Each structure stands twice: as structure tokens, then as C-alpha cells.
Amino acid sequence: MSNHKEREVKKFMLLMYGFEKPTPEIMKAWGTWFESIADRTVDQGGFHGGAREISASGTKDLPMGMESITGYTIIEAESLDEAEKIAQDNPYIASIRVYEVMGGK
């Protein structure tokens, strides 16, 4: 039986904002970043159009632009600080937001 304390791992969602037409350099930077966090990645995906916002005032189509959420990655990290450090290496376009995910598997 091991006496070492197992590290507590939490899940964090990284939301990437901002759209620009991808260049080969940006695609390479994204590929490098995804490879660097592969052992921490739980899930990932991108949004490429077909977005709507639903509110009390109705539904509206959302254009792709600098305010758009363009992708997400769910990672495992010990703390929000560690998740932030991982996110800082991301080649985001406009910004990236980091949220701790509660619940789920």
C-alpha cells in the first residue's frame, strides 16, 4: 500500500474566443499546443458557424467574429492557477477563458 497522497485533479474548460481565417502557421501552432496537452485533455471541439443565441427577447443568428466562441478544450489540472498556465501557451486569436467544471464524470 502506498503512503503518498494522490494528487487531486479537477477539470477545467478553456473557451477560445475570436475568429480569423486560419493560416498554415496558426494551424501548426494549434497542433503543437494540442500535442503538448494531450495527456491532460479530456475533450475538445471547435465551432465553425451555425450558432444562435436564445434569450427572452428571441433568437438571433451569431456571426463568426472576434467575439465568437470558436472552440473549447476540457483539461485536467490541480488548480485554476495551473489551468491558467496551460492556457497561456494556447495560440488563441482574441482571448481564452478558463472555468472550473463541476460535476460530471
C-alpha atoms as a PDB file:
ATOM      1  CA  MET A   1       0.000   0.000   0.000  1.00  0.00           C
ATOM      2  CA  SER A   2       1.358   3.395  -0.986  1.00  0.00           C
ATOM      3  CA  ASN A   3       1.745   6.184   1.564  1.00  0.00           C
ATOM      4  CA  HIS A   4       1.936   9.038  -0.935  1.00  0.00           C
ATOM      5  CA  LYS A   5      -1.109  11.257  -1.288  1.00  0.00           C
ATOM      6  CA  GLU A   6      -2.600  11.033  -4.741  1.00  0.00           C
ATOM      7  CA  ARG A   7      -2.914  14.449  -6.342  1.00  0.00           C
ATOM      8  CA  GLU A   8      -6.403  15.845  -6.632  1.00  0.00           C
ATOM      9  CA  VAL A   9      -7.241  16.519 -10.244  1.00  0.00           C
ATOM     10  CA  LYS A  10     -10.025  18.845 -11.299  1.00  0.00           C
ATOM     11  CA  LYS A  11     -11.479  19.567 -14.719  1.00  0.00           C
ATOM     12  CA  PHE A  12     -11.335  22.950 -16.413  1.00  0.00           C
ATOM     13  CA  MET A  13     -12.977  24.178 -19.596  1.00  0.00           C
ATOM     14  CA  LEU A  14     -10.954  26.503 -21.798  1.00  0.00           C
ATOM     15  CA  LEU A  15     -13.140  28.605 -24.100  1.00  0.00           C
ATOM     16  CA  MET A  16     -11.369  30.144 -27.073  1.00  0.00           C
ATOM     17  CA  TYR A  17     -12.693  33.426 -28.466  1.00  0.00           C
ATOM     18  CA  GLY A  18     -12.062  35.114 -31.780  1.00  0.00           C
ATOM     19  CA  PHE A  19     -12.153  34.016 -35.397  1.00  0.00           C
ATOM     20  CA  GLU A  20      -9.719  34.733 -38.192  1.00  0.00           C
ATOM     21  CA  LYS A  21      -9.187  32.743 -41.358  1.00  0.00           C
ATOM     22  CA  PRO A  22      -6.626  30.121 -40.290  1.00  0.00           C
ATOM     23  CA  THR A  23      -3.160  30.318 -41.798  1.00  0.00           C
ATOM     24  CA  PRO A  24      -0.747  27.367 -42.051  1.00  0.00           C
ATOM     25  CA  GLU A  25       1.296  28.956 -39.223  1.00  0.00           C
ATOM     26  CA  ILE A  26      -1.715  29.204 -36.908  1.00  0.00           C
ATOM     27  CA  MET A  27      -2.771  25.627 -37.712  1.00  0.00           C
ATOM     28  CA  LYS A  28       0.752  24.411 -36.897  1.00  0.00           C
ATOM     29  CA  ALA A  29       0.754  26.372 -33.609  1.00  0.00           C
ATOM     30  CA  TRP A  30      -2.605  24.852 -32.643  1.00  0.00           C
ATOM     31  CA  GLY A  31      -1.375  21.347 -33.487  1.00  0.00           C
ATOM     32  CA  THR A  32       1.748  21.854 -31.375  1.00  0.00           C
ATOM     33  CA  TRP A  33      -0.321  23.154 -28.445  1.00  0.00           C
ATOM     34  CA  PHE A  34      -2.810  20.251 -28.619  1.00  0.00           C
ATOM     35  CA  GLU A  35       0.092  17.769 -28.689  1.00  0.00           C
ATOM     36  CA  SER A  36       1.653  19.451 -25.638  1.00  0.00           C
ATOM     37  CA  ILE A  37      -1.513  18.959 -23.551  1.00  0.00           C
ATOM     38  CA  ALA A  38      -2.613  15.571 -24.925  1.00  0.00           C
ATOM     39  CA  ASP A  39      -2.052  13.823 -21.577  1.00  0.00           C
ATOM     40  CA  ARG A  40      -4.333  16.366 -19.829  1.00  0.00           C
ATOM     41  CA  THR A  41      -7.086  16.623 -22.452  1.00  0.00           C
ATOM     42  CA  VAL A  42     -10.497  15.164 -21.597  1.00  0.00           C
ATOM     43  CA  ASP A  43     -12.406  16.558 -24.596  1.00  0.00           C
ATOM     44  CA  GLN A  44     -12.087  19.231 -27.258  1.00  0.00           C
ATOM     45  CA  GLY A  45     -14.018  20.672 -30.157  1.00  0.00           C
ATOM     46  CA  GLY A  46     -14.489  23.675 -32.377  1.00  0.00           C
ATOM     47  CA  PHE A  47     -17.348  25.809 -33.613  1.00  0.00           C
ATOM     48  CA  HIS A  48     -17.368  26.874 -37.227  1.00  0.00           C
ATOM     49  CA  GLY A  49     -20.672  28.621 -37.907  1.00  0.00           C
ATOM     50  CA  GLY A  50     -24.272  27.703 -37.368  1.00  0.00           C
ATOM     51  CA  ALA A  51     -24.548  29.460 -33.993  1.00  0.00           C
ATOM     52  CA  ARG A  52     -27.604  31.048 -32.357  1.00  0.00           C
ATOM     53  CA  GLU A  53     -28.287  32.938 -29.174  1.00  0.00           C
ATOM     54  CA  ILE A  54     -31.610  32.311 -27.435  1.00  0.00           C
ATOM     55  CA  SER A  55     -32.884  34.842 -24.900  1.00  0.00           C
ATOM     56  CA  ALA A  56     -36.112  36.311 -23.548  1.00  0.00           C
ATOM     57  CA  SER A  57     -36.137  38.742 -26.474  1.00  0.00           C
ATOM     58  CA  GLY A  58     -35.939  35.949 -29.053  1.00  0.00           C
ATOM     59  CA  THR A  59     -33.409  34.043 -31.125  1.00  0.00           C
ATOM     60  CA  LYS A  60     -30.700  35.534 -33.306  1.00  0.00           C
ATOM     61  CA  ASP A  61     -28.050  34.063 -35.565  1.00  0.00           C
ATOM     62  CA  LEU A  62     -24.485  34.685 -34.399  1.00  0.00           C
ATOM     63  CA  PRO A  63     -21.807  35.640 -36.923  1.00  0.00           C
ATOM     64  CA  MET A  64     -18.247  34.345 -36.692  1.00  0.00           C
ATOM     65  CA  GLY A  65     -16.004  37.158 -35.467  1.00  0.00           C
ATOM     66  CA  MET A  66     -13.663  38.298 -32.730  1.00  0.00           C
ATOM     67  CA  GLU A  67     -16.382  37.911 -30.049  1.00  0.00           C
ATOM     68  CA  SER A  68     -17.333  34.373 -31.115  1.00  0.00           C
ATOM     69  CA  ILE A  69     -16.567  31.296 -29.062  1.00  0.00           C
ATOM     70  CA  THR A  70     -14.634  29.275 -31.613  1.00  0.00           C
ATOM     71  CA  GLY A  71     -13.527  26.253 -29.610  1.00  0.00           C
ATOM     72  CA  TYR A  72     -13.291  24.521 -26.276  1.00  0.00           C
ATOM     73  CA  THR A  73     -10.919  22.161 -24.550  1.00  0.00           C
ATOM     74  CA  ILE A  74     -11.569  20.366 -21.276  1.00  0.00           C
ATOM     75  CA  ILE A  75      -8.365  19.620 -19.397  1.00  0.00           C
ATOM     76  CA  GLU A  76      -7.330  18.105 -16.086  1.00  0.00           C
ATOM     77  CA  ALA A  77      -5.307  20.259 -13.704  1.00  0.00           C
ATOM     78  CA  GLU A  78      -4.799  20.541  -9.959  1.00  0.00           C
ATOM     79  CA  SER A  79      -5.911  24.176  -9.690  1.00  0.00           C
ATOM     80  CA  LEU A  80      -7.220  27.187 -11.570  1.00  0.00           C
ATOM     81  CA  ASP A  81      -3.687  28.617 -11.454  1.00  0.00           C
ATOM     82  CA  GLU A  82      -2.271  25.526 -13.157  1.00  0.00           C
ATOM     83  CA  ALA A  83      -5.066  25.571 -15.766  1.00  0.00           C
ATOM     84  CA  GLU A  84      -4.314  29.247 -16.442  1.00  0.00           C
ATOM     85  CA  LYS A  85      -0.629  28.476 -17.022  1.00  0.00           C
ATOM     86  CA  ILE A  86      -1.597  25.762 -19.510  1.00  0.00           C
ATOM     87  CA  ALA A  87      -3.995  28.161 -21.268  1.00  0.00           C
ATOM     88  CA  GLN A  88      -1.362  30.896 -21.563  1.00  0.00           C
ATOM     89  CA  ASP A  89       0.556  28.754 -24.074  1.00  0.00           C
ATOM     90  CA  ASN A  90      -2.537  28.440 -26.284  1.00  0.00           C
ATOM     91  CA  PRO A  91      -2.291  30.307 -29.625  1.00  0.00           C
ATOM     92  CA  TYR A  92      -5.707  31.936 -29.103  1.00  0.00           C
ATOM     93  CA  ILE A  93      -6.957  34.610 -31.506  1.00  0.00           C
ATOM     94  CA  ALA A  94      -8.764  37.162 -29.261  1.00  0.00           C
ATOM     95  CA  SER A  95      -8.804  35.655 -25.770  1.00  0.00           C
ATOM     96  CA  ILE A  96      -9.251  32.480 -23.778  1.00  0.00           C
ATOM     97  CA  ARG A  97     -11.384  31.942 -20.674  1.00  0.00           C
ATOM     98  CA  VAL A  98     -10.813  29.234 -18.079  1.00  0.00           C
ATOM     99  CA  TYR A  99     -13.652  27.798 -15.974  1.00  0.00           C
ATOM    100  CA  GLU A 100     -13.578  25.022 -13.394  1.00  0.00           C
ATOM    101  CA  VAL A 101     -16.075  22.316 -14.359  1.00  0.00           C
ATOM    102  CA  MET A 102     -18.197  20.981 -11.519  1.00  0.00           C
ATOM    103  CA  GLY A 103     -19.871  17.570 -11.548  1.00  0.00           C
ATOM    104  CA  GLY A 104     -19.932  15.083 -14.372  1.00  0.00           C
ATOM    105  CA  LYS A 105     -17.649  12.106 -14.736  1.00  0.00           C
END
